[in-house]
Amino acid sequence: MITDPIETVSKIDNTMATVLGAFTFVTATIGINIVANFVSPAFDFSNVAPKHISFRTGGFIAAVGPIFITPWNLFNSPEVILYTLDMLAAFIGPLFGILLVHFYFVRNMKIVAEDLYRDKPGGAYWYDASFGSSAAALLLPGRGMNMGDGWETRRRREPGNDWCVIELGAPGTVEKIEVDTAFFKGNYPDRCSVQAAHVTGGTDRSITTQSMFWQTLLPEQKLEMDAIHTFTEQVAKLGPITHVRFNIFPDGGVSRLRLWGKVEAK
């Protein structure tokens, strides 16, 4: 019984089939390596210092960096391969455990999986007041790669301002807020503010209505184009919160919103 796909192809007495099989293996190998060894580490490097390392720069580091450690020499030794797998297991195992605990115990398995892929009104994560992007883009990892990778609202011709409500991953106290307007130069908001509350119940509709009257976590702050704005001293001490309302005045585009603090002890 042959279990090796490459050996299977080599047994076929047909040049066209052999070439097609080789092309398939090469394409699959490149595709898998791009996803596993380029996209993921590019985001990882970007998250280390998002102000200085973009996704593109992180990708260059991931692509060029391995050349200097000459992996072809390291993997000539079976012991090195074994040590590498052991190290991966040592890091990935605990990380997977954290993800499981967060899903089953912190979130209580409350994720509407179908709505994560629904692009029509009525879904739990639907938001329709943006311009070609969703407010969920504010939570993506790393810095934005372009304006389309952020949250941009339509131009207002009426009084008021644009806003979105975000539920935190876990109740906690916010100590620092970061607003990133990366790539938004002529269409960034003039100002922003953040309101917050500790919500224990209610529907999405009722929470949205109540958010207008939440306490101020961050008073209105002036924003600049294509820049990371960090606020620490301006953040009010409200104690543990579960939701924030991010206000932009009057409209415009924001790439990322980051909240730092401490998770509430149970």
Foldseek 3Di string as FASTA:
>chain_A
DDDDLLVVQVPDPDPVSNVVSVVVVVVVVVVVCCVPQAQVQLLVVLQVPLQVRASVNSNVCSVPVVVVVPVVVQVVDPVSVVVVVVVCCVPVVVVVVVVVCLCCPFVVVPDDVVLVPDADPDGPQYDDQWDQEGCCLQADGGFAPEQNSWTFGDDDPDDAADKDKDFDSAWFWFQKKKWFQAHFAPFAFQKKWKFFAADDDDDPVVCVVCQVVGHTQAPIDGDHHRGMDMDGPRGDGPTITGMMMMIGPHTGITRYMDTDGDHDDD
